[in-house]
Amino acid sequence: MDPNARGAEAYRPDGPEPPVTIREDLMEAAVQEIAWARRGACRAADPDLFFPLAPSPQQEARAKAICAGCQVLADCRAYALRAGEPDGIWGGLTPEERRRLRFPEGWRRGARGAGVA
């Protein structure tokens, strides 16, 4: 067998598809998780509005106004909360608003005293 021909033999367009790798599976899962984003109202807006270097109340209000009429608001918000998105306006929420929803005030106090005798 000619060692230079091995690469040519390994790929056969008429043969079976190569096995899917774990990395490809993860990429496909990630793409599917945010497939809703293609329908987001923010797609037509300037990304700097949602991810500003220096957020201001006016900028947040403008971004939230776009989110308010968005058909995928609930999907966007759920994704941002689940993924722990640290930056930007997602689902009409600022990073601080998302943190408050994920970690309500007092959430640590309950864990410290629970089950400790």
N, C-alpha and C. Protein backbone atom coordinates (compact mmCIF):
# COMPACT_ATOMS: atom_id res chain seq x y z
N MET A 1 0.85 -1.19 0.00
CA MET A 1 0.00 0.00 0.00
C MET A 1 0.89 1.24 0.00
N ASP A 2 0.59 2.14 -0.84
CA ASP A 2 1.34 3.38 -0.97
C ASP A 2 0.96 4.32 0.18
N PRO A 3 1.90 4.73 1.06
CA PRO A 3 1.57 5.61 2.20
C PRO A 3 1.04 6.96 1.76
N ASN A 4 1.40 7.41 0.56
CA ASN A 4 0.90 8.70 0.07
C ASN A 4 -0.57 8.62 -0.33
N ALA A 5 -1.08 7.43 -0.55
CA ALA A 5 -2.46 7.26 -0.99
C ALA A 5 -3.43 7.14 0.19
N ARG A 6 -2.93 7.03 1.40
CA ARG A 6 -3.79 6.80 2.56
C ARG A 6 -4.84 7.89 2.72
N GLY A 7 -4.44 9.14 2.55
CA GLY A 7 -5.40 10.23 2.70
C GLY A 7 -6.52 10.13 1.68
N ALA A 8 -6.18 9.75 0.47
CA ALA A 8 -7.19 9.63 -0.58
C ALA A 8 -8.14 8.49 -0.28
N GLU A 9 -7.62 7.39 0.27
CA GLU A 9 -8.48 6.26 0.61
C GLU A 9 -9.38 6.56 1.79
N ALA A 10 -8.93 7.42 2.70
CA ALA A 10 -9.69 7.71 3.90
C ALA A 10 -10.99 8.45 3.58
N TYR A 11 -10.98 9.25 2.53
CA TYR A 11 -12.18 10.01 2.18
C TYR A 11 -12.79 9.44 0.93
N ARG A 12 -14.01 8.99 1.05
CA ARG A 12 -14.73 8.47 -0.12
C ARG A 12 -16.07 9.17 -0.19
N PRO A 13 -16.27 10.05 -1.18
CA PRO A 13 -17.52 10.78 -1.27
C PRO A 13 -18.74 9.87 -1.40
N ASP A 14 -18.56 8.68 -1.96
CA ASP A 14 -19.68 7.76 -2.12
C ASP A 14 -19.82 6.81 -0.94
N GLY A 15 -18.90 6.88 0.00
CA GLY A 15 -18.93 5.97 1.14
C GLY A 15 -19.74 6.53 2.30
N PRO A 16 -19.70 5.83 3.43
CA PRO A 16 -20.46 6.29 4.60
C PRO A 16 -19.90 7.60 5.15
N GLU A 17 -20.77 8.35 5.80
CA GLU A 17 -20.34 9.61 6.41
C GLU A 17 -19.39 9.32 7.56
N PRO A 18 -18.41 10.18 7.78
CA PRO A 18 -17.51 9.97 8.91
C PRO A 18 -18.30 10.14 10.21
N PRO A 19 -17.84 9.49 11.28
CA PRO A 19 -18.56 9.61 12.54
C PRO A 19 -18.54 11.06 13.05
N VAL A 20 -19.61 11.44 13.70
CA VAL A 20 -19.71 12.80 14.27
C VAL A 20 -18.89 12.81 15.56
N THR A 21 -18.07 13.82 15.70
CA THR A 21 -17.25 13.92 16.91
C THR A 21 -18.04 14.60 18.02
N ILE A 22 -17.54 14.47 19.23
CA ILE A 22 -18.18 15.12 20.37
C ILE A 22 -18.19 16.62 20.17
N ARG A 23 -17.11 17.17 19.65
CA ARG A 23 -17.04 18.62 19.42
C ARG A 23 -18.14 19.06 18.46
N GLU A 24 -18.37 18.30 17.39
CA GLU A 24 -19.44 18.65 16.45
C GLU A 24 -20.80 18.57 17.13
N ASP A 25 -21.00 17.57 17.99
CA ASP A 25 -22.25 17.45 18.72
C ASP A 25 -22.47 18.67 19.62
N LEU A 26 -21.42 19.11 20.29
CA LEU A 26 -21.54 20.27 21.17
C LEU A 26 -21.83 21.53 20.38
N MET A 27 -21.18 21.68 19.24
CA MET A 27 -21.43 22.85 18.40
C MET A 27 -22.88 22.85 17.91
N GLU A 28 -23.37 21.69 17.49
CA GLU A 28 -24.75 21.60 17.01
C GLU A 28 -25.72 21.93 18.14
N ALA A 29 -25.45 21.44 19.34
CA ALA A 29 -26.31 21.74 20.49
C ALA A 29 -26.31 23.23 20.79
N ALA A 30 -25.15 23.87 20.70
CA ALA A 30 -25.06 25.31 20.96
C ALA A 30 -25.84 26.09 19.92
N VAL A 31 -25.71 25.70 18.67
CA VAL A 31 -26.43 26.39 17.61
C VAL A 31 -27.93 26.22 17.81
N GLN A 32 -28.38 25.02 18.16
CA GLN A 32 -29.80 24.78 18.38
C GLN A 32 -30.32 25.57 19.57
N GLU A 33 -29.50 25.71 20.61
CA GLU A 33 -29.96 26.43 21.81
C GLU A 33 -30.27 27.89 21.53
N ILE A 34 -29.54 28.50 20.61
CA ILE A 34 -29.80 29.91 20.33
C ILE A 34 -30.39 30.14 18.93
N ALA A 35 -31.01 29.12 18.37
CA ALA A 35 -31.62 29.25 17.04
C ALA A 35 -32.69 30.34 17.03
N TRP A 36 -33.33 30.57 18.14
CA TRP A 36 -34.37 31.61 18.25
C TRP A 36 -33.80 32.99 17.95
N ALA A 37 -32.50 33.18 18.15
CA ALA A 37 -31.89 34.51 18.01
C ALA A 37 -32.04 35.06 16.59
N ARG A 38 -32.17 34.19 15.60
CA ARG A 38 -32.34 34.66 14.22
C ARG A 38 -33.62 35.47 14.05
N ARG A 39 -34.58 35.26 14.95
CA ARG A 39 -35.86 35.97 14.85
C ARG A 39 -35.94 37.17 15.79
N GLY A 40 -34.86 37.48 16.47
CA GLY A 40 -34.84 38.58 17.43
C GLY A 40 -34.94 39.95 16.79
N ALA A 41 -35.67 40.83 17.44
CA ALA A 41 -35.80 42.22 16.97
C ALA A 41 -34.45 42.94 17.00
N CYS A 42 -33.56 42.50 17.83
CA CYS A 42 -32.25 43.15 17.96
C CYS A 42 -31.34 42.91 16.76
N ARG A 43 -31.67 41.95 15.92
CA ARG A 43 -30.82 41.66 14.75
C ARG A 43 -30.68 42.86 13.82
N ALA A 44 -31.68 43.73 13.80
CA ALA A 44 -31.63 44.90 12.93
C ALA A 44 -31.05 46.13 13.64
N ALA A 45 -30.71 45.98 14.91
CA ALA A 45 -30.21 47.12 15.70
C ALA A 45 -28.69 47.09 15.81
N ASP A 46 -28.13 48.20 16.19
CA ASP A 46 -26.70 48.32 16.41
C ASP A 46 -26.32 47.51 17.66
N PRO A 47 -25.39 46.56 17.55
CA PRO A 47 -24.98 45.75 18.71
C PRO A 47 -24.49 46.60 19.89
N ASP A 48 -23.91 47.78 19.59
CA ASP A 48 -23.44 48.65 20.67
C ASP A 48 -24.58 49.11 21.57
N LEU A 49 -25.79 49.10 21.06
CA LEU A 49 -26.94 49.47 21.88
C LEU A 49 -27.16 48.44 22.99
N PHE A 50 -26.92 47.18 22.69
CA PHE A 50 -27.13 46.10 23.65
C PHE A 50 -25.87 45.74 24.43
N PHE A 51 -24.73 46.09 23.90
CA PHE A 51 -23.45 45.80 24.55
C PHE A 51 -22.57 47.05 24.57
N PRO A 52 -23.00 48.09 25.29
CA PRO A 52 -22.24 49.35 25.29
C PRO A 52 -20.99 49.26 26.16
N LEU A 53 -20.00 50.06 25.82
CA LEU A 53 -18.80 50.12 26.66
C LEU A 53 -19.11 50.83 27.97
N ALA A 54 -19.96 51.85 27.91
CA ALA A 54 -20.35 52.61 29.10
C ALA A 54 -21.88 52.74 29.12
N PRO A 55 -22.57 51.79 29.77
CA PRO A 55 -24.03 51.84 29.78
C PRO A 55 -24.57 53.12 30.41
N SER A 56 -25.69 53.59 29.88
CA SER A 56 -26.37 54.75 30.44
C SER A 56 -27.85 54.41 30.54
N PRO A 57 -28.59 55.13 31.38
CA PRO A 57 -30.03 54.87 31.48
C PRO A 57 -30.75 55.05 30.14
N GLN A 58 -30.32 56.02 29.34
CA GLN A 58 -30.95 56.24 28.04
C GLN A 58 -30.70 55.07 27.09
N GLN A 59 -29.47 54.60 27.08
CA GLN A 59 -29.13 53.46 26.22
C GLN A 59 -29.91 52.23 26.65
N GLU A 60 -29.98 51.97 27.95
CA GLU A 60 -30.73 50.81 28.44
C GLU A 60 -32.20 50.91 28.06
N ALA A 61 -32.77 52.08 28.18
CA ALA A 61 -34.19 52.28 27.84
C ALA A 61 -34.42 52.02 26.35
N ARG A 62 -33.51 52.47 25.50
CA ARG A 62 -33.66 52.24 24.06
C ARG A 62 -33.56 50.75 23.73
N ALA A 63 -32.60 50.06 24.33
CA ALA A 63 -32.45 48.62 24.09
C ALA A 63 -33.68 47.86 24.59
N LYS A 64 -34.15 48.22 25.78
CA LYS A 64 -35.31 47.56 26.36
C LYS A 64 -36.58 47.80 25.53
N ALA A 65 -36.68 48.97 24.91
CA ALA A 65 -37.83 49.26 24.05
C ALA A 65 -37.86 48.32 22.85
N ILE A 66 -36.69 48.01 22.30
CA ILE A 66 -36.61 47.06 21.20
C ILE A 66 -37.00 45.66 21.70
N CYS A 67 -36.50 45.29 22.87
CA CYS A 67 -36.82 43.98 23.44
C CYS A 67 -38.32 43.84 23.73
N ALA A 68 -38.94 44.92 24.15
CA ALA A 68 -40.36 44.86 24.55
C ALA A 68 -41.27 44.36 23.43
N GLY A 69 -40.93 44.67 22.19
CA GLY A 69 -41.76 44.24 21.08
C GLY A 69 -41.23 43.00 20.37
N CYS A 70 -40.29 42.32 20.97
CA CYS A 70 -39.62 41.19 20.32
C CYS A 70 -40.41 39.89 20.50
N GLN A 71 -40.52 39.13 19.41
CA GLN A 71 -41.25 37.87 19.44
C GLN A 71 -40.52 36.76 20.19
N VAL A 72 -39.22 36.92 20.44
CA VAL A 72 -38.47 35.87 21.14
C VAL A 72 -37.97 36.35 22.51
N LEU A 73 -38.63 37.35 23.07
CA LEU A 73 -38.22 37.90 24.36
C LEU A 73 -38.07 36.82 25.42
N ALA A 74 -39.06 35.95 25.56
CA ALA A 74 -39.02 34.91 26.60
C ALA A 74 -37.86 33.94 26.38
N ASP A 75 -37.63 33.54 25.12
CA ASP A 75 -36.51 32.63 24.82
C ASP A 75 -35.18 33.28 25.14
N CYS A 76 -35.05 34.55 24.76
CA CYS A 76 -33.82 35.30 24.99
C CYS A 76 -33.53 35.43 26.49
N ARG A 77 -34.56 35.80 27.22
CA ARG A 77 -34.41 35.97 28.68
C ARG A 77 -34.05 34.64 29.34
N ALA A 78 -34.75 33.57 28.96
CA ALA A 78 -34.48 32.25 29.55
C ALA A 78 -33.05 31.81 29.25
N TYR A 79 -32.61 32.02 28.01
CA TYR A 79 -31.23 31.66 27.65
C TYR A 79 -30.23 32.43 28.50
N ALA A 80 -30.42 33.74 28.60
CA ALA A 80 -29.46 34.58 29.33
C ALA A 80 -29.38 34.18 30.80
N LEU A 81 -30.52 33.85 31.39
CA LEU A 81 -30.53 33.42 32.79
C LEU A 81 -29.87 32.06 32.94
N ARG A 82 -30.18 31.14 32.05
CA ARG A 82 -29.62 29.79 32.11
C ARG A 82 -28.11 29.81 31.86
N ALA A 83 -27.67 30.61 30.89
CA ALA A 83 -26.25 30.65 30.52
C ALA A 83 -25.43 31.55 31.44
N GLY A 84 -26.11 32.39 32.22
CA GLY A 84 -25.38 33.31 33.09
C GLY A 84 -24.66 34.40 32.31
N GLU A 85 -25.29 34.88 31.24
CA GLU A 85 -24.67 35.93 30.42
C GLU A 85 -24.28 37.11 31.31
N PRO A 86 -22.99 37.46 31.35
CA PRO A 86 -22.53 38.50 32.26
C PRO A 86 -22.66 39.93 31.72
N ASP A 87 -22.84 40.07 30.41
CA ASP A 87 -22.82 41.40 29.81
C ASP A 87 -24.03 41.61 28.90
N GLY A 88 -24.34 42.87 28.69
CA GLY A 88 -25.34 43.24 27.70
C GLY A 88 -26.78 43.13 28.15
N ILE A 89 -27.65 43.66 27.30
CA ILE A 89 -29.09 43.56 27.51
C ILE A 89 -29.55 42.29 26.80
N TRP A 90 -30.13 41.38 27.56
CA TRP A 90 -30.65 40.12 27.02
C TRP A 90 -32.07 39.97 27.54
N GLY A 91 -33.02 39.72 26.67
CA GLY A 91 -34.39 39.52 27.11
C GLY A 91 -34.96 40.70 27.86
N GLY A 92 -34.49 41.90 27.53
CA GLY A 92 -34.97 43.10 28.18
C GLY A 92 -34.43 43.32 29.58
N LEU A 93 -33.39 42.59 29.96
CA LEU A 93 -32.81 42.72 31.30
C LEU A 93 -31.34 43.12 31.24
N THR A 94 -30.94 43.96 32.17
CA THR A 94 -29.54 44.34 32.31
C THR A 94 -28.81 43.23 33.07
N PRO A 95 -27.48 43.24 33.07
CA PRO A 95 -26.74 42.25 33.85
C PRO A 95 -27.16 42.24 35.33
N GLU A 96 -27.34 43.41 35.91
CA GLU A 96 -27.73 43.49 37.32
C GLU A 96 -29.12 42.89 37.55
N GLU A 97 -30.04 43.18 36.65
CA GLU A 97 -31.40 42.62 36.78
C GLU A 97 -31.37 41.09 36.67
N ARG A 98 -30.53 40.58 35.78
CA ARG A 98 -30.41 39.12 35.65
C ARG A 98 -29.79 38.52 36.90
N ARG A 99 -28.78 39.18 37.46
CA ARG A 99 -28.17 38.66 38.70
C ARG A 99 -29.19 38.60 39.82
N ARG A 100 -30.03 39.63 39.93
CA ARG A 100 -31.04 39.63 40.99
C ARG A 100 -32.05 38.50 40.81
N LEU A 101 -32.37 38.18 39.56
CA LEU A 101 -33.30 37.06 39.33
C LEU A 101 -32.64 35.72 39.61
N ARG A 102 -31.39 35.59 39.24
CA ARG A 102 -30.69 34.32 39.47
C ARG A 102 -30.32 34.12 40.92
N PHE A 103 -29.99 35.20 41.61
CA PHE A 103 -29.55 35.11 43.00
C PHE A 103 -30.33 36.11 43.84
N PRO A 104 -31.56 35.77 44.21
CA PRO A 104 -32.36 36.71 45.00
C PRO A 104 -31.69 37.03 46.34
N GLU A 105 -32.02 38.19 46.85
CA GLU A 105 -31.45 38.61 48.13
C GLU A 105 -31.71 37.54 49.18
N GLY A 106 -30.66 37.20 49.92
CA GLY A 106 -30.77 36.22 50.99
C GLY A 106 -30.56 34.78 50.55
N TRP A 107 -30.27 34.55 49.28
CA TRP A 107 -30.14 33.17 48.81
C TRP A 107 -29.00 32.43 49.48
N ARG A 108 -27.97 33.12 49.93
CA ARG A 108 -26.86 32.46 50.62
C ARG A 108 -27.17 32.19 52.09
N ARG A 109 -27.93 33.04 52.71
CA ARG A 109 -28.22 32.88 54.13
C ARG A 109 -28.88 31.54 54.42
N GLY A 110 -29.80 31.12 53.59
CA GLY A 110 -30.49 29.86 53.80
C GLY A 110 -29.55 28.67 53.74
N ALA A 111 -28.56 28.72 52.89
CA ALA A 111 -27.63 27.60 52.73
C ALA A 111 -26.65 27.51 53.89
N ARG A 112 -26.27 28.63 54.46
CA ARG A 112 -25.27 28.60 55.55
C ARG A 112 -25.79 27.87 56.78
N GLY A 113 -27.02 28.13 57.15
CA GLY A 113 -27.54 27.54 58.37
C GLY A 113 -28.22 26.21 58.18
N ALA A 114 -28.47 25.80 56.94
CA ALA A 114 -29.21 24.58 56.68
C ALA A 114 -28.38 23.35 57.03
N GLY A 115 -28.93 22.49 57.84
CA GLY A 115 -28.32 21.21 58.14
C GLY A 115 -27.09 21.28 59.01
N VAL A 116 -26.74 22.40 59.54
CA VAL A 116 -25.56 22.51 60.39
C VAL A 116 -26.00 22.44 61.83
N ALA A 117 -25.46 21.47 62.55
CA ALA A 117 -25.86 21.30 63.96
C ALA A 117 -24.80 21.79 64.89
